[in-house]
C-alpha atoms as a PDB file:
ATOM      1  CA  MET A   1      -0.440  -0.120   0.520  1.00  0.00           C
ATOM      2  CA  ARG A   2       1.565   3.091  -0.497  1.00  0.00           C
ATOM      3  CA  ASN A   3       0.655   7.375   0.142  1.00  0.00           C
ATOM      4  CA  ARG A   4       1.115   6.884   3.649  1.00  0.00           C
ATOM      5  CA  ASN A   5       3.587   9.199   3.953  1.00  0.00           C
ATOM      6  CA  VAL A   6       1.997  12.565   5.525  1.00  0.00           C
ATOM      7  CA  GLN A   7       0.821  15.301   2.551  1.00  0.00           C
ATOM      8  CA  PRO A   8       2.753  19.279   3.541  1.00  0.00           C
ATOM      9  CA  ARG A   9      -0.508  21.204   3.791  1.00  0.00           C
ATOM     10  CA  ARG A  10       1.459  23.816   1.730  1.00  0.00           C
ATOM     11  CA  PHE A  11      -1.653  26.387   1.631  1.00  0.00           C
ATOM     12  CA  LEU A  12      -0.984  26.801   5.770  1.00  0.00           C
ATOM     13  CA  ALA A  13       2.458  29.138   5.204  1.00  0.00           C
ATOM     14  CA  VAL A  14      -0.265  31.970   3.664  1.00  0.00           C
ATOM     15  CA  LEU A  15      -2.537  31.825   6.234  1.00  0.00           C
ATOM     16  CA  SER A  16      -1.083  35.078   8.784  1.00  0.00           C
ATOM     17  CA  THR A  17      -3.966  36.679  10.764  1.00  0.00           C
ATOM     18  CA  ALA A  18      -5.785  34.006  13.390  1.00  0.00           C
ATOM     19  CA  GLY A  19      -9.291  34.943  12.020  1.00  0.00           C
ATOM     20  CA  VAL A  20      -7.814  32.918   8.511  1.00  0.00           C
ATOM     21  CA  LEU A  21      -5.927  30.625  10.079  1.00  0.00           C
ATOM     22  CA  ALA A  22      -9.077  29.826  12.154  1.00  0.00           C
ATOM     23  CA  ALA A  23     -11.597  30.075   8.778  1.00  0.00           C
ATOM     24  CA  ALA A  24      -9.170  26.921   7.644  1.00  0.00           C
ATOM     25  CA  LEU A  25      -8.891  25.149  10.163  1.00  0.00           C
ATOM     26  CA  TYR A  26     -13.166  25.021  11.022  1.00  0.00           C
ATOM     27  CA  VAL A  27     -15.896  22.877   8.722  1.00  0.00           C
ATOM     28  CA  ALA A  28     -17.630  25.347   6.384  1.00  0.00           C
ATOM     29  CA  GLY A  29     -20.032  26.930   7.636  1.00  0.00           C
ATOM     30  CA  GLY A  30     -19.566  27.054  11.797  1.00  0.00           C
ATOM     31  CA  CYS A  31     -18.284  25.565  14.324  1.00  0.00           C
ATOM     32  CA  ALA A  32     -18.894  23.973  17.680  1.00  0.00           C
ATOM     33  CA  SER A  33     -16.693  26.536  19.835  1.00  0.00           C
ATOM     34  CA  ASN A  34     -16.332  26.105  23.703  1.00  0.00           C
ATOM     35  CA  GLY A  35     -16.007  29.641  24.411  1.00  0.00           C
ATOM     36  CA  SER A  36     -13.108  32.010  21.737  1.00  0.00           C
ATOM     37  CA  ALA A  37     -10.741  31.526  24.640  1.00  0.00           C
ATOM     38  CA  ARG A  38     -10.114  27.748  24.126  1.00  0.00           C
ATOM     39  CA  ASN A  39     -10.325  28.156  20.716  1.00  0.00           C
ATOM     40  CA  GLU A  40      -7.325  30.510  20.569  1.00  0.00           C
ATOM     41  CA  SER A  41      -6.008  28.160  22.277  1.00  0.00           C
ATOM     42  CA  ALA A  42      -6.380  24.988  20.550  1.00  0.00           C
ATOM     43  CA  ILE A  43      -5.085  26.703  17.428  1.00  0.00           C
ATOM     44  CA  SER A  44      -2.676  27.528  19.288  1.00  0.00           C
ATOM     45  CA  ALA A  45      -1.658  24.518  19.693  1.00  0.00           C
ATOM     46  CA  TYR A  46      -2.003  23.570  16.200  1.00  0.00           C
ATOM     47  CA  VAL A  47      -0.514  26.055  14.582  1.00  0.00           C
ATOM     48  CA  GLN A  48       2.252  25.596  16.864  1.00  0.00           C
ATOM     49  CA  GLY A  49       1.761  21.281  15.857  1.00  0.00           C
ATOM     50  CA  VAL A  50       2.305  22.714  12.412  1.00  0.00           C
ATOM     51  CA  ARG A  51       5.948  24.288  13.093  1.00  0.00           C
ATOM     52  CA  ALA A  52       6.808  20.936  15.068  1.00  0.00           C
ATOM     53  CA  TYR A  53       6.107  19.123  12.548  1.00  0.00           C
ATOM     54  CA  GLU A  54       8.177  21.381   9.088  1.00  0.00           C
ATOM     55  CA  ASN A  55      10.847  20.796  11.807  1.00  0.00           C
ATOM     56  CA  GLY A  56      11.162  17.806  11.652  1.00  0.00           C
ATOM     57  CA  ASP A  57       9.354  17.179  14.920  1.00  0.00           C
ATOM     58  CA  THR A  58       6.942  14.452  14.464  1.00  0.00           C
ATOM     59  CA  ALA A  59       6.737  13.579  17.931  1.00  0.00           C
ATOM     60  CA  LYS A  60       5.960  17.243  18.971  1.00  0.00           C
ATOM     61  CA  ALA A  61       4.044  17.828  16.220  1.00  0.00           C
ATOM     62  CA  MET A  62       1.348  14.632  17.000  1.00  0.00           C
ATOM     63  CA  THR A  63       1.402  16.013  20.851  1.00  0.00           C
ATOM     64  CA  SER A  64       0.003  19.627  20.124  1.00  0.00           C
ATOM     65  CA  PHE A  65      -2.398  18.593  16.861  1.00  0.00           C
ATOM     66  CA  GLN A  66      -3.703  15.655  20.246  1.00  0.00           C
ATOM     67  CA  GLU A  67      -3.605  19.104  22.648  1.00  0.00           C
ATOM     68  CA  ALA A  68      -5.317  21.006  20.253  1.00  0.00           C
ATOM     69  CA  VAL A  69      -7.475  17.931  19.043  1.00  0.00           C
ATOM     70  CA  LYS A  70      -8.907  17.823  22.644  1.00  0.00           C
ATOM     71  CA  LYS A  71      -9.715  21.458  23.368  1.00  0.00           C
ATOM     72  CA  ASP A  72     -11.602  21.487  20.036  1.00  0.00           C
ATOM     73  CA  SER A  73     -13.383  18.676  18.154  1.00  0.00           C
ATOM     74  CA  ASP A  74     -13.608  19.921  15.647  1.00  0.00           C
ATOM     75  CA  LEU A  75     -10.008  21.463  13.956  1.00  0.00           C
ATOM     76  CA  VAL A  76     -10.596  19.927  11.087  1.00  0.00           C
ATOM     77  CA  MET A  77      -7.290  20.392   9.730  1.00  0.00           C
ATOM     78  CA  ALA A  78      -5.466  19.629  12.760  1.00  0.00           C
ATOM     79  CA  ARG A  79      -7.289  15.855  12.759  1.00  0.00           C
ATOM     80  CA  SER A  80      -6.743  15.732   9.411  1.00  0.00           C
ATOM     81  CA  MET A  81      -2.843  16.183  10.171  1.00  0.00           C
ATOM     82  CA  LEU A  82      -3.012  13.777  13.339  1.00  0.00           C
ATOM     83  CA  GLY A  83      -4.531  10.611  11.615  1.00  0.00           C
ATOM     84  CA  ASP A  84      -1.722  11.677   8.548  1.00  0.00           C
ATOM     85  CA  LEU A  85       0.342  11.312  11.314  1.00  0.00           C
ATOM     86  CA  TYR A  86      -0.726   7.976  12.381  1.00  0.00           C
ATOM     87  CA  ARG A  87      -0.534   5.873   9.327  1.00  0.00           C
ATOM     88  CA  ALA A  88       2.734   6.839   9.366  1.00  0.00           C
ATOM     89  CA  LYS A  89       3.081   5.524  12.266  1.00  0.00           C
ATOM     90  CA  SER A  90       1.749   2.645  11.536  1.00  0.00           C
ATOM     91  CA  ASP A  91      -1.063   2.795  13.562  1.00  0.00           C
ATOM     92  CA  TYR A  92      -4.020   2.107  11.649  1.00  0.00           C
ATOM     93  CA  GLU A  93      -6.713   1.933  14.193  1.00  0.00           C
ATOM     94  CA  ALA A  94      -6.119   6.001  15.776  1.00  0.00           C
ATOM     95  CA  ALA A  95      -5.460   6.690  12.015  1.00  0.00           C
ATOM     96  CA  ARG A  96      -9.627   5.734  11.056  1.00  0.00           C
ATOM     97  CA  GLU A  97     -10.389   7.424  14.528  1.00  0.00           C
ATOM     98  CA  GLN A  98      -9.785  11.017  12.601  1.00  0.00           C
ATOM     99  CA  TYR A  99     -10.422  10.203   9.367  1.00  0.00           C
ATOM    100  CA  GLU A 100     -13.732   9.155  10.699  1.00  0.00           C
ATOM    101  CA  ALA A 101     -14.299  12.135  12.399  1.00  0.00           C
ATOM    102  CA  LEU A 102     -12.724  14.407   8.996  1.00  0.00           C
ATOM    103  CA  ALA A 103     -15.103  12.675   6.746  1.00  0.00           C
ATOM    104  CA  ARG A 104     -18.376  13.193   9.527  1.00  0.00           C
ATOM    105  CA  LEU A 105     -17.115  16.910   9.719  1.00  0.00           C
ATOM    106  CA  ASP A 106     -16.343  18.032   6.104  1.00  0.00           C
ATOM    107  CA  PRO A 107     -18.562  14.930   4.436  1.00  0.00           C
ATOM    108  CA  TYR A 108     -18.103  16.859   1.523  1.00  0.00           C
ATOM    109  CA  GLU A 109     -14.536  16.075   1.006  1.00  0.00           C
ATOM    110  CA  TYR A 110     -13.690  13.597  -1.140  1.00  0.00           C
ATOM    111  CA  SER A 111      -9.934  12.592   0.183  1.00  0.00           C
ATOM    112  CA  ASN A 112     -11.097  12.729   3.722  1.00  0.00           C
ATOM    113  CA  HIS A 113     -13.556   9.435   2.558  1.00  0.00           C
ATOM    114  CA  TYR A 114     -10.303   8.323   0.272  1.00  0.00           C
ATOM    115  CA  ARG A 115      -8.271   8.388   3.095  1.00  0.00           C
ATOM    116  CA  LEU A 116     -10.492   6.705   5.948  1.00  0.00           C
ATOM    117  CA  GLY A 117     -10.893   3.817   2.479  1.00  0.00           C
ATOM    118  CA  LEU A 118      -6.771   4.125   3.549  1.00  0.00           C
ATOM    119  CA  ALA A 119      -7.466   3.096   6.955  1.00  0.00           C
ATOM    120  CA  TYR A 120     -10.351   0.718   6.935  1.00  0.00           C
ATOM    121  CA  GLN A 121      -7.973  -1.364   3.925  1.00  0.00           C
ATOM    122  CA  LEU A 122      -4.963  -1.607   6.220  1.00  0.00           C
ATOM    123  CA  LEU A 123      -7.197  -2.452   9.330  1.00  0.00           C
ATOM    124  CA  ASP A 124      -8.470  -5.694   6.523  1.00  0.00           C
ATOM    125  CA  ARG A 125     -12.214  -3.669   7.316  1.00  0.00           C
ATOM    126  CA  LEU A 126     -12.144  -4.413   3.861  1.00  0.00           C
ATOM    127  CA  ARG A 127     -16.149  -3.533   3.129  1.00  0.00           C
ATOM    128  CA  GLU A 128     -15.926  -0.795   5.207  1.00  0.00           C
ATOM    129  CA  ALA A 129     -13.137   0.258   2.873  1.00  0.00           C
ATOM    130  CA  ALA A 130     -15.171   0.452   0.062  1.00  0.00           C
ATOM    131  CA  ALA A 131     -17.755   2.153   1.411  1.00  0.00           C
ATOM    132  CA  SER A 132     -16.008   4.769   2.215  1.00  0.00           C
ATOM    133  CA  TYR A 133     -13.887   4.867  -1.330  1.00  0.00           C
ATOM    134  CA  LEU A 134     -17.548   4.150  -3.379  1.00  0.00           C
ATOM    135  CA  LYS A 135     -18.029   8.157  -0.755  1.00  0.00           C
ATOM    136  CA  ALA A 136     -15.019   9.475  -2.536  1.00  0.00           C
ATOM    137  CA  LEU A 137     -16.111   8.722  -6.581  1.00  0.00           C
ATOM    138  CA  ASN A 138     -19.172   9.877  -6.327  1.00  0.00           C
ATOM    139  CA  LEU A 139     -17.532  13.220  -5.138  1.00  0.00           C
ATOM    140  CA  LYS A 140     -14.821  12.839  -7.597  1.00  0.00           C
ATOM    141  CA  PRO A 141     -15.890   9.826  -9.573  1.00  0.00           C
ATOM    142  CA  ASN A 142     -11.946  10.414 -12.107  1.00  0.00           C
ATOM    143  CA  ASP A 143      -9.562  10.142  -9.291  1.00  0.00           C
ATOM    144  CA  ALA A 144      -7.266   7.413 -10.465  1.00  0.00           C
ATOM    145  CA  GLN A 145      -5.938   6.949  -6.614  1.00  0.00           C
ATOM    146  CA  THR A 146      -9.180   6.037  -4.950  1.00  0.00           C
ATOM    147  CA  ASN A 147     -10.416   3.746  -8.378  1.00  0.00           C
ATOM    148  CA  MET A 148      -7.187   1.889  -7.980  1.00  0.00           C
ATOM    149  CA  TYR A 149      -7.278   0.997  -4.559  1.00  0.00           C
ATOM    150  CA  LEU A 150     -11.241   0.375  -4.523  1.00  0.00           C
ATOM    151  CA  GLY A 151      -9.976  -2.237  -6.838  1.00  0.00           C
ATOM    152  CA  SER A 152      -8.028  -3.722  -4.942  1.00  0.00           C
ATOM    153  CA  VAL A 153     -10.695  -3.421  -2.871  1.00  0.00           C
ATOM    154  CA  TYR A 154     -12.776  -5.791  -5.049  1.00  0.00           C
ATOM    155  CA  LEU A 155     -10.069  -8.112  -5.709  1.00  0.00           C
ATOM    156  CA  GLN A 156      -8.841  -8.906  -1.868  1.00  0.00           C
ATOM    157  CA  LEU A 157     -11.976 -10.062  -1.982  1.00  0.00           C
ATOM    158  CA  ASN A 158     -12.365 -12.085  -4.773  1.00  0.00           C
ATOM    159  CA  GLU A 159     -14.561 -10.151  -6.593  1.00  0.00           C
ATOM    160  CA  ILE A 160     -13.170 -10.431  -9.791  1.00  0.00           C
ATOM    161  CA  LYS A 161     -15.754  -7.807 -12.189  1.00  0.00           C
ATOM    162  CA  GLU A 162     -15.991  -5.069  -9.986  1.00  0.00           C
ATOM    163  CA  ALA A 163     -11.752  -5.347  -9.022  1.00  0.00           C
ATOM    164  CA  ARG A 164     -11.459  -5.142 -13.351  1.00  0.00           C
ATOM    165  CA  LYS A 165     -14.038  -2.306 -13.648  1.00  0.00           C
ATOM    166  CA  TYR A 166     -12.471   0.037 -11.394  1.00  0.00           C
ATOM    167  CA  ALA A 167      -8.987  -1.503 -11.990  1.00  0.00           C
ATOM    168  CA  GLU A 168      -9.737  -0.052 -16.070  1.00  0.00           C
ATOM    169  CA  ARG A 169     -10.767   3.379 -14.605  1.00  0.00           C
ATOM    170  CA  ALA A 170      -7.388   3.681 -12.405  1.00  0.00           C
ATOM    171  CA  VAL A 171      -5.516   3.520 -15.973  1.00  0.00           C
ATOM    172  CA  GLN A 172      -8.224   5.402 -17.346  1.00  0.00           C
ATOM    173  CA  TYR A 173      -8.059   8.655 -15.346  1.00  0.00           C
ATOM    174  CA  ASP A 174      -4.103   7.965 -15.327  1.00  0.00           C
ATOM    175  CA  PRO A 175      -1.881   5.852 -17.936  1.00  0.00           C
ATOM    176  CA  ARG A 176       0.667   7.452 -16.225  1.00  0.00           C
ATOM    177  CA  ASN A 177       0.539   5.209 -13.101  1.00  0.00           C
ATOM    178  CA  ALA A 178       2.323   2.220 -13.122  1.00  0.00           C
ATOM    179  CA  ASP A 179       1.125   1.139  -9.721  1.00  0.00           C
ATOM    180  CA  ALA A 180      -2.477   0.796 -10.915  1.00  0.00           C
ATOM    181  CA  TRP A 181      -1.540  -0.939 -14.188  1.00  0.00           C
ATOM    182  CA  VAL A 182       0.373  -3.945 -12.067  1.00  0.00           C
ATOM    183  CA  LYS A 183      -3.126  -3.457  -9.945  1.00  0.00           C
ATOM    184  CA  LEU A 184      -5.074  -3.827 -13.119  1.00  0.00           C
ATOM    185  CA  GLY A 185      -2.528  -6.824 -14.171  1.00  0.00           C
ATOM    186  CA  LEU A 186      -3.744  -9.122 -11.387  1.00  0.00           C
ATOM    187  CA  VAL A 187      -6.957  -8.715 -11.820  1.00  0.00           C
ATOM    188  CA  LEU A 188      -6.742  -9.816 -15.340  1.00  0.00           C
ATOM    189  CA  ASP A 189      -4.819 -12.548 -14.437  1.00  0.00           C
ATOM    190  CA  LEU A 190      -7.610 -13.772 -11.940  1.00  0.00           C
ATOM    191  CA  ASP A 191      -9.869 -12.859 -14.678  1.00  0.00           C
ATOM    192  CA  ASN A 192      -8.539 -15.238 -16.905  1.00  0.00           C
ATOM    193  CA  ASP A 193      -7.657 -12.413 -19.525  1.00  0.00           C
ATOM    194  CA  TYR A 194      -3.632 -13.599 -19.498  1.00  0.00           C
ATOM    195  CA  PRO A 195      -2.821 -11.829 -22.926  1.00  0.00           C
ATOM    196  CA  LYS A 196      -4.355  -8.890 -21.617  1.00  0.00           C
ATOM    197  CA  ALA A 197      -2.273  -9.017 -18.134  1.00  0.00           C
ATOM    198  CA  GLU A 198       0.125  -9.144 -19.855  1.00  0.00           C
ATOM    199  CA  GLU A 199       0.477  -6.369 -21.436  1.00  0.00           C
ATOM    200  CA  ALA A 200      -0.720  -3.773 -18.101  1.00  0.00           C
ATOM    201  CA  TYR A 201       2.154  -5.832 -17.231  1.00  0.00           C
ATOM    202  CA  ARG A 202       4.638  -4.977 -20.171  1.00  0.00           C
ATOM    203  CA  LYS A 203       3.101  -1.506 -20.101  1.00  0.00           C
ATOM    204  CA  SER A 204       4.289  -1.339 -16.424  1.00  0.00           C
ATOM    205  CA  LEU A 205       7.339  -1.898 -16.752  1.00  0.00           C
ATOM    206  CA  ASP A 206       7.780   0.831 -19.620  1.00  0.00           C
ATOM    207  CA  LEU A 207       7.164   3.355 -17.159  1.00  0.00           C
ATOM    208  CA  ALA A 208       8.910   1.898 -14.014  1.00  0.00           C
ATOM    209  CA  ALA A 209      11.571  -1.365 -13.855  1.00  0.00           C
ATOM    210  CA  ASN A 210      10.378  -3.010 -10.556  1.00  0.00           C
ATOM    211  CA  GLU A 211      11.352  -7.334  -9.732  1.00  0.00           C
ATOM    212  CA  VAL A 212       7.368  -7.820  -8.615  1.00  0.00           C
ATOM    213  CA  THR A 213       6.458  -6.321 -11.806  1.00  0.00           C
ATOM    214  CA  GLN A 214       8.906  -8.644 -13.993  1.00  0.00           C
ATOM    215  CA  LEU A 215       8.092 -11.579 -11.760  1.00  0.00           C
ATOM    216  CA  TYR A 216       4.376 -11.146 -12.413  1.00  0.00           C
ATOM    217  CA  LEU A 217       5.003 -11.326 -15.937  1.00  0.00           C
ATOM    218  CA  GLY A 218       7.132 -14.432 -15.597  1.00  0.00           C
ATOM    219  CA  GLU A 219       4.853 -16.174 -13.587  1.00  0.00           C
ATOM    220  CA  ASN A 220       1.875 -15.086 -16.664  1.00  0.00           C
ATOM    221  CA  LEU A 221       4.397 -15.914 -19.116  1.00  0.00           C
ATOM    222  CA  LEU A 222       4.635 -19.537 -17.921  1.00  0.00           C
ATOM    223  CA  THR A 223       0.509 -19.464 -17.742  1.00  0.00           C
ATOM    224  CA  GLN A 224       0.670 -18.980 -21.513  1.00  0.00           C
ATOM    225  CA  LYS A 225       3.373 -21.263 -21.740  1.00  0.00           C
ATOM    226  CA  LYS A 226       5.512 -18.920 -23.635  1.00  0.00           C
ATOM    227  CA  TYR A 227       8.157 -20.601 -22.227  1.00  0.00           C
ATOM    228  CA  GLY A 228      10.867 -18.568 -23.766  1.00  0.00           C
ATOM    229  CA  GLU A 229       9.144 -15.858 -23.059  1.00  0.00           C
ATOM    230  CA  ALA A 230       9.439 -15.837 -18.888  1.00  0.00           C
ATOM    231  CA  ARG A 231      12.486 -17.814 -19.579  1.00  0.00           C
ATOM    232  CA  SER A 232      14.330 -14.546 -21.382  1.00  0.00           C
ATOM    233  CA  VAL A 233      12.365 -12.154 -18.404  1.00  0.00           C
ATOM    234  CA  LEU A 234      12.931 -14.612 -15.535  1.00  0.00           C
ATOM    235  CA  SER A 235      16.513 -14.831 -16.458  1.00  0.00           C
ATOM    236  CA  GLU A 236      17.151 -10.908 -16.297  1.00  0.00           C
ATOM    237  CA  LEU A 237      14.921 -10.737 -12.801  1.00  0.00           C
ATOM    238  CA  VAL A 238      17.234 -13.643 -11.461  1.00  0.00           C
ATOM    239  CA  LYS A 239      20.323 -11.576 -13.002  1.00  0.00           C
ATOM    240  CA  MET A 240      18.484  -8.736 -10.538  1.00  0.00           C
ATOM    241  CA  HIS A 241      18.259 -10.201  -7.847  1.00  0.00           C
ATOM    242  CA  ASP A 242      19.034 -14.038  -6.915  1.00  0.00           C
ATOM    243  CA  SER A 243      16.539 -15.595  -4.676  1.00  0.00           C
ATOM    244  CA  PRO A 244      14.572 -19.370  -4.410  1.00  0.00           C
ATOM    245  CA  LEU A 245      12.186 -18.247  -5.936  1.00  0.00           C
ATOM    246  CA  HIS A 246      13.698 -16.224  -9.304  1.00  0.00           C
ATOM    247  CA  ARG A 247      15.518 -19.500  -9.279  1.00  0.00           C
ATOM    248  CA  LYS A 248      12.186 -21.899  -8.973  1.00  0.00           C
ATOM    249  CA  ARG A 249      10.724 -20.084 -12.001  1.00  0.00           C
ATOM    250  CA  LEU A 250      13.374 -19.859 -14.281  1.00  0.00           C
ATOM    251  CA  GLY A 251      13.951 -23.809 -13.741  1.00  0.00           C
ATOM    252  CA  ASP A 252       9.922 -24.111 -14.257  1.00  0.00           C
ATOM    253  CA  ALA A 253      10.472 -21.874 -17.938  1.00  0.00           C
ATOM    254  CA  TYR A 254      12.861 -24.348 -19.069  1.00  0.00           C
ATOM    255  CA  ALA A 255      11.410 -27.775 -17.251  1.00  0.00           C
ATOM    256  CA  GLY A 256       8.501 -26.135 -19.989  1.00  0.00           C
ATOM    257  CA  GLU A 257      10.369 -26.360 -22.605  1.00  0.00           C
ATOM    258  CA  LYS A 258      11.510 -29.653 -21.699  1.00  0.00           C
ATOM    259  CA  ASN A 259      14.948 -29.073 -20.948  1.00  0.00           C
ATOM    260  CA  PHE A 260      15.500 -31.338 -17.780  1.00  0.00           C
ATOM    261  CA  ALA A 261      19.192 -30.831 -17.593  1.00  0.00           C
ATOM    262  CA  ASP A 262      18.466 -27.243 -16.692  1.00  0.00           C
ATOM    263  CA  ALA A 263      15.792 -26.585 -14.968  1.00  0.00           C
ATOM    264  CA  ILE A 264      17.372 -28.572 -12.514  1.00  0.00           C
ATOM    265  CA  THR A 265      19.831 -27.004 -12.003  1.00  0.00           C
ATOM    266  CA  GLN A 266      17.529 -23.922 -11.813  1.00  0.00           C
ATOM    267  CA  TYR A 267      16.365 -25.911  -9.308  1.00  0.00           C
ATOM    268  CA  GLN A 268      19.392 -26.353  -7.194  1.00  0.00           C
ATOM    269  CA  ALA A 269      20.938 -23.165  -7.310  1.00  0.00           C
ATOM    270  CA  ALA A 270      17.622 -21.796  -5.324  1.00  0.00           C
ATOM    271  CA  LEU A 271      18.305 -25.245  -3.044  1.00  0.00           C
ATOM    272  CA  LYS A 272      22.070 -23.392  -2.417  1.00  0.00           C
ATOM    273  CA  LEU A 273      20.508 -20.176  -2.120  1.00  0.00           C
ATOM    274  CA  ASP A 274      18.270 -21.707   0.635  1.00  0.00           C
ATOM    275  CA  PRO A 275      18.828 -25.202   1.550  1.00  0.00           C
ATOM    276  CA  ASN A 276      15.083 -25.813   3.169  1.00  0.00           C
ATOM    277  CA  TYR A 277      13.136 -24.338   0.282  1.00  0.00           C
ATOM    278  CA  TYR A 278      10.898 -27.473  -0.767  1.00  0.00           C
ATOM    279  CA  PRO A 279       9.833 -26.305  -3.347  1.00  0.00           C
ATOM    280  CA  ALA A 280      12.765 -26.464  -5.533  1.00  0.00           C
ATOM    281  CA  LEU A 281      12.513 -30.309  -4.474  1.00  0.00           C
ATOM    282  CA  ASN A 282       9.250 -30.789  -5.119  1.00  0.00           C
ATOM    283  CA  GLU A 283      10.273 -29.438  -9.061  1.00  0.00           C
ATOM    284  CA  ILE A 284      12.988 -31.455  -9.205  1.00  0.00           C
ATOM    285  CA  GLY A 285      11.112 -34.787  -8.277  1.00  0.00           C
ATOM    286  CA  ALA A 286       8.501 -33.896 -10.965  1.00  0.00           C
ATOM    287  CA  THR A 287      10.878 -32.716 -13.316  1.00  0.00           C
ATOM    288  CA  TYR A 288      13.222 -36.594 -12.825  1.00  0.00           C
ATOM    289  CA  ILE A 289       9.888 -37.822 -13.604  1.00  0.00           C
ATOM    290  CA  ALA A 290       8.888 -36.292 -16.992  1.00  0.00           C
ATOM    291  CA  ASP A 291      12.165 -37.122 -18.089  1.00  0.00           C
ATOM    292  CA  TYR A 292      11.700 -40.845 -17.055  1.00  0.00           C
ATOM    293  CA  GLU A 293       8.278 -41.335 -18.640  1.00  0.00           C
ATOM    294  CA  LYS A 294       8.817 -39.338 -21.811  1.00  0.00           C
ATOM    295  CA  GLY A 295       9.857 -42.549 -23.693  1.00  0.00           C
ATOM    296  CA  LEU A 296       9.385 -45.823 -23.524  1.00  0.00           C
ATOM    297  CA  ALA A 297      13.304 -46.963 -22.072  1.00  0.00           C
ATOM    298  CA  LEU A 298      12.458 -45.931 -18.588  1.00  0.00           C
ATOM    299  CA  ASP A 299      15.417 -44.780 -16.790  1.00  0.00           C
ATOM    300  CA  ASP A 300      14.519 -46.162 -13.300  1.00  0.00           C
ATOM    301  CA  SER A 301      17.677 -43.985 -11.329  1.00  0.00           C
ATOM    302  CA  LYS A 302      15.309 -41.126 -12.790  1.00  0.00           C
ATOM    303  CA  ARG A 303      12.526 -41.953 -11.066  1.00  0.00           C
ATOM    304  CA  LYS A 304      14.710 -42.925  -7.374  1.00  0.00           C
ATOM    305  CA  ALA A 305      15.917 -39.215  -7.772  1.00  0.00           C
ATOM    306  CA  ALA A 306      12.654 -38.527  -7.906  1.00  0.00           C
ATOM    307  CA  LEU A 307      11.548 -40.315  -4.861  1.00  0.00           C
ATOM    308  CA  ASP A 308      14.956 -38.618  -3.304  1.00  0.00           C
ATOM    309  CA  ALA A 309      13.757 -35.333  -3.705  1.00  0.00           C
ATOM    310  CA  TRP A 310      10.501 -36.200  -2.368  1.00  0.00           C
ATOM    311  CA  GLN A 311      11.751 -37.731   0.691  1.00  0.00           C
ATOM    312  CA  GLN A 312      13.850 -34.850   1.357  1.00  0.00           C
ATOM    313  CA  SER A 313      10.769 -31.851   0.697  1.00  0.00           C
ATOM    314  CA  LEU A 314       8.844 -34.120   3.085  1.00  0.00           C
ATOM    315  CA  SER A 315      11.260 -33.998   5.631  1.00  0.00           C
ATOM    316  CA  ILE A 316      11.313 -29.954   5.652  1.00  0.00           C
ATOM    317  CA  ASN A 317       7.431 -30.109   5.561  1.00  0.00           C
ATOM    318  CA  ARG A 318       5.316 -33.422   5.847  1.00  0.00           C
ATOM    319  CA  THR A 319       1.981 -31.444   5.465  1.00  0.00           C
ATOM    320  CA  GLN A 320       1.949 -31.962   1.196  1.00  0.00           C
ATOM    321  CA  ALA A 321      -0.547 -34.444   0.367  1.00  0.00           C
ATOM    322  CA  ARG A 322      -0.227 -34.180  -3.740  1.00  0.00           C
ATOM    323  CA  ILE A 323       3.656 -35.015  -2.734  1.00  0.00           C
ATOM    324  CA  MET A 324       3.210 -38.083  -0.148  1.00  0.00           C
ATOM    325  CA  ALA A 325       0.860 -38.898  -2.913  1.00  0.00           C
ATOM    326  CA  LEU A 326       3.057 -39.199  -5.153  1.00  0.00           C
ATOM    327  CA  VAL A 327       6.041 -40.836  -3.940  1.00  0.00           C
ATOM    328  CA  GLN A 328       3.023 -43.247  -2.582  1.00  0.00           C
ATOM    329  CA  LYS A 329       2.644 -44.311  -6.910  1.00  0.00           C
ATOM    330  CA  TYR A 330       6.281 -44.055  -7.873  1.00  0.00           C
ATOM    331  CA  SER A 331       7.736 -45.882  -5.212  1.00  0.00           C
ATOM    332  CA  LYS A 332       6.760 -49.308  -7.411  1.00  0.00           C
ATOM    333  CA  ALA A 333       9.961 -49.959  -9.807  1.00  0.00           C
ATOM    334  CA  PRO A 334       8.180 -50.886 -13.163  1.00  0.00           C
ATOM    335  CA  MET A 335       7.315 -54.326 -13.235  1.00  0.00           C
ATOM    336  CA  PHE A 336       9.762 -55.840 -15.494  1.00  0.00           C
ATOM    337  CA  GLN A 337      12.451 -54.658 -13.442  1.00  0.00           C
ATOM    338  CA  GLN A 338      11.363 -56.204  -9.928  1.00  0.00           C
END
């Protein structure tokens, strides 16, 4: 999730008098004050918070904003800054409280509902997040970020049709947003629209190089059985960041091309990086079996090598019903060898 940092309020620098500042701090149409002296005290605390924030002292800024809100609960900008500071500290529950108050005090500002949606999403309160994002879009339908995050919420809810609708709107409104293209690609993959998902990932990579996006593209190409293209993408990914997962995926590309020797080399490279990475052992077993069964002249040493790899995998993780079934299936030698 992005956009977790506090956004500076540049317009505050031009507010030079207490009267103008007070007008900016409260909801349009009036405020529920408890006396001018109390309001001035709340505004003073808020101003101290802004100065502390501008000086990089976020702890003091937070204390001042808390004091301002305590003195007058209708200080919209104090709640706004406080909510952003809580979110920057990953205190999403406290941020939610401030954003809920903001959305109640100023329901006609789309960003209040957008940020409340972010807090709900970070708290995994997905239905509430969707409702808040929809309120934001009702006020600003063409906001790409809100469309993008609403699409991601529907994706988490496994509501693919709705997820696709808003993910497509996000790239429509902001075609230069690499993150939006990635999220669209994920939705399209789950919607089994693999060619369009590939296109989305490639557009994202054209805008911004990203290891995760390149992995998504490689996996998408494997799904489409475009093994040569997948190998090219995944080979570059291994050069960027050599990891067990990346090596395994590269091995999958070689295995798809029936280049079993190079596939096993990649799986072994994954195990060299992490000896407990049992998915690589599973694929070594599967590759040996594929090689074993490809012709009529069965090489039983490959069957035994597959069983050895699977047994090693099970010694790391016993809760693999599929691998246990494969071990049972291939444990007996062919009848003519008995």
